[in-house]
C-alpha atoms as a PDB file:
ATOM      1  CA  MET A   1     263.676  56.880  27.201  1.00  0.00           C
ATOM      2  CA  LYS A   2     263.249  55.832  30.819  1.00  0.00           C
ATOM      3  CA  GLN A   3     266.873  55.051  31.563  1.00  0.00           C
ATOM      4  CA  GLN A   4     266.304  53.557  35.018  1.00  0.00           C
ATOM      5  CA  GLU A   5     263.609  51.182  33.765  1.00  0.00           C
ATOM      6  CA  VAL A   6     265.726  50.122  30.794  1.00  0.00           C
ATOM      7  CA  LEU A   7     268.789  49.417  32.921  1.00  0.00           C
ATOM      8  CA  LYS A   8     266.683  47.540  35.497  1.00  0.00           C
ATOM      9  CA  ALA A   9     265.142  45.430  32.744  1.00  0.00           C
ATOM     10  CA  LEU A  10     268.533  44.598  31.246  1.00  0.00           C
ATOM     11  CA  ALA A  11     269.984  43.650  34.643  1.00  0.00           C
ATOM     12  CA  ALA A  12     268.174  40.286  34.748  1.00  0.00           C
ATOM     13  CA  THR A  13     269.600  37.325  32.846  1.00  0.00           C
ATOM     14  CA  THR A  14     266.137  35.975  32.042  1.00  0.00           C
ATOM     15  CA  ARG A  15     265.001  39.261  30.509  1.00  0.00           C
ATOM     16  CA  ARG A  16     268.154  39.478  28.399  1.00  0.00           C
ATOM     17  CA  ALA A  17     267.490  35.915  27.226  1.00  0.00           C
ATOM     18  CA  ILE A  18     263.922  36.858  26.272  1.00  0.00           C
ATOM     19  CA  LEU A  19     265.210  39.834  24.276  1.00  0.00           C
ATOM     20  CA  LYS A  20     267.771  37.574  22.574  1.00  0.00           C
ATOM     21  CA  ARG A  21     264.994  35.186  21.477  1.00  0.00           C
ATOM     22  CA  LEU A  22     263.025  38.112  20.059  1.00  0.00           C
ATOM     23  CA  GLN A  23     265.944  39.111  17.806  1.00  0.00           C
ATOM     24  CA  ALA A  24     264.767  36.443  15.364  1.00  0.00           C
ATOM     25  CA  GLY A  25     261.294  37.974  15.207  1.00  0.00           C
ATOM     26  CA  ALA A  26     258.009  38.294  17.044  1.00  0.00           C
ATOM     27  CA  LEU A  27     256.944  35.437  19.327  1.00  0.00           C
ATOM     28  CA  SER A  28     253.887  34.688  21.405  1.00  0.00           C
ATOM     29  CA  ALA A  29     254.161  34.584  25.176  1.00  0.00           C
ATOM     30  CA  GLY A  30     253.709  30.800  24.992  1.00  0.00           C
ATOM     31  CA  GLU A  31     256.501  30.394  22.444  1.00  0.00           C
ATOM     32  CA  ILE A  32     258.849  32.421  24.639  1.00  0.00           C
ATOM     33  CA  GLY A  33     257.741  30.650  27.800  1.00  0.00           C
ATOM     34  CA  ALA A  34     258.450  27.206  26.306  1.00  0.00           C
ATOM     35  CA  ALA A  35     262.167  28.040  26.403  1.00  0.00           C
ATOM     36  CA  PHE A  36     262.201  28.754  30.151  1.00  0.00           C
ATOM     37  CA  ASP A  37     261.694  26.524  33.161  1.00  0.00           C
ATOM     38  CA  MET A  38     259.603  28.873  35.294  1.00  0.00           C
ATOM     39  CA  THR A  39     256.013  29.554  36.196  1.00  0.00           C
ATOM     40  CA  ALA A  40     253.711  31.580  34.005  1.00  0.00           C
ATOM     41  CA  ALA A  41     253.493  34.173  36.798  1.00  0.00           C
ATOM     42  CA  SER A  42     257.278  34.608  36.824  1.00  0.00           C
ATOM     43  CA  LEU A  43     257.379  34.986  33.049  1.00  0.00           C
ATOM     44  CA  SER A  44     254.509  37.447  33.207  1.00  0.00           C
ATOM     45  CA  HIS A  45     256.526  39.546  35.648  1.00  0.00           C
ATOM     46  CA  HIS A  46     259.516  39.577  33.285  1.00  0.00           C
ATOM     47  CA  PHE A  47     257.273  40.545  30.358  1.00  0.00           C
ATOM     48  CA  ALA A  48     255.785  43.390  32.424  1.00  0.00           C
ATOM     49  CA  VAL A  49     259.236  44.771  33.287  1.00  0.00           C
ATOM     50  CA  LEU A  50     260.313  44.630  29.637  1.00  0.00           C
ATOM     51  CA  LYS A  51     257.096  46.304  28.549  1.00  0.00           C
ATOM     52  CA  GLN A  52     257.376  49.032  31.210  1.00  0.00           C
ATOM     53  CA  ALA A  53     260.899  49.779  29.982  1.00  0.00           C
ATOM     54  CA  ASP A  54     259.458  49.952  26.452  1.00  0.00           C
ATOM     55  CA  LEU A  55     261.969  47.337  25.274  1.00  0.00           C
ATOM     56  CA  VAL A  56     259.199  45.199  23.781  1.00  0.00           C
ATOM     57  CA  ARG A  57     255.963  45.873  21.978  1.00  0.00           C
ATOM     58  CA  THR A  58     252.873  43.750  22.361  1.00  0.00           C
ATOM     59  CA  GLU A  59     250.093  42.927  19.961  1.00  0.00           C
ATOM     60  CA  ARG A  60     247.011  40.883  20.683  1.00  0.00           C
ATOM     61  CA  ARG A  61     246.303  38.269  18.021  1.00  0.00           C
ATOM     62  CA  GLY A  62     243.120  36.507  19.005  1.00  0.00           C
ATOM     63  CA  GLN A  63     243.757  34.919  22.371  1.00  0.00           C
ATOM     64  CA  TYR A  64     247.532  35.309  22.105  1.00  0.00           C
ATOM     65  CA  ILE A  65     249.839  38.178  23.021  1.00  0.00           C
ATOM     66  CA  VAL A  66     252.737  38.513  20.608  1.00  0.00           C
ATOM     67  CA  TYR A  67     255.947  40.248  21.671  1.00  0.00           C
ATOM     68  CA  SER A  68     258.475  41.997  19.438  1.00  0.00           C
ATOM     69  CA  LEU A  69     261.569  44.128  20.049  1.00  0.00           C
ATOM     70  CA  ASN A  70     261.280  47.901  20.177  1.00  0.00           C
ATOM     71  CA  SER A  71     264.526  48.735  18.403  1.00  0.00           C
ATOM     72  CA  THR A  72     264.089  52.485  18.960  1.00  0.00           C
ATOM     73  CA  VAL A  73     264.854  52.092  22.667  1.00  0.00           C
ATOM     74  CA  PHE A  74     267.996  50.099  21.884  1.00  0.00           C
ATOM     75  CA  GLU A  75     269.174  52.833  19.543  1.00  0.00           C
ATOM     76  CA  ASP A  76     268.564  55.447  22.258  1.00  0.00           C
ATOM     77  CA  LEU A  77     270.416  53.298  24.802  1.00  0.00           C
ATOM     78  CA  ALA A  78     273.390  52.867  22.467  1.00  0.00           C
ATOM     79  CA  ARG A  79     273.531  56.640  21.957  1.00  0.00           C
ATOM     80  CA  MET A  80     273.406  57.197  25.721  1.00  0.00           C
ATOM     81  CA  VAL A  81     276.272  54.755  26.341  1.00  0.00           C
ATOM     82  CA  LEU A  82     278.370  56.254  23.552  1.00  0.00           C
ATOM     83  CA  ASP A  83     277.823  59.721  25.034  1.00  0.00           C
ATOM     84  CA  LEU A  84     279.149  58.452  28.369  1.00  0.00           C
ATOM     85  CA  PHE A  85     282.334  57.136  26.772  1.00  0.00           C
ATOM     86  CA  PRO A  86     283.406  59.386  23.886  1.00  0.00           C
ATOM     87  CA  PRO A  87     286.238  58.145  21.653  1.00  0.00           C
ATOM     88  CA  LYS A  88     289.741  59.024  22.800  1.00  0.00           C
ATOM     89  CA  GLY A  89     291.067  62.203  21.245  1.00  0.00           C
ATOM     90  CA  ASN A  90     287.557  63.630  21.009  1.00  0.00           C
ATOM     91  CA  SER A  91     287.582  65.584  24.246  1.00  0.00           C
ATOM     92  CA  GLY A  92     287.396  69.018  22.627  1.00  0.00           C
ATOM     93  CA  GLY A  93     291.031  69.785  23.405  1.00  0.00           C
ATOM     94  CA  LYS A  94     290.595  69.554  27.185  1.00  0.00           C
ATOM     95  CA  ARG A  95     292.562  67.116  29.272  1.00  0.00           C
END
């Protein structure tokens, strides 16, 4: 997992909103874009950042690009965060 790219991608409200929309299932770029008031170029930039961070997968269906969540990266991210903050009382006896 490219931690820096993932954290950068998650830092933007718009990208988090795109990921939230994809929780319901795969959507075309046009279907996602219809929910946002921004230019196609701006949306394309957000898609590129999400794709570079490997948070989304793309599939070409005819003339459309369909986006879906890459849940593996989210699982890796959750593991990383949990490793940073272990449960209390699980410090191996050291204080």
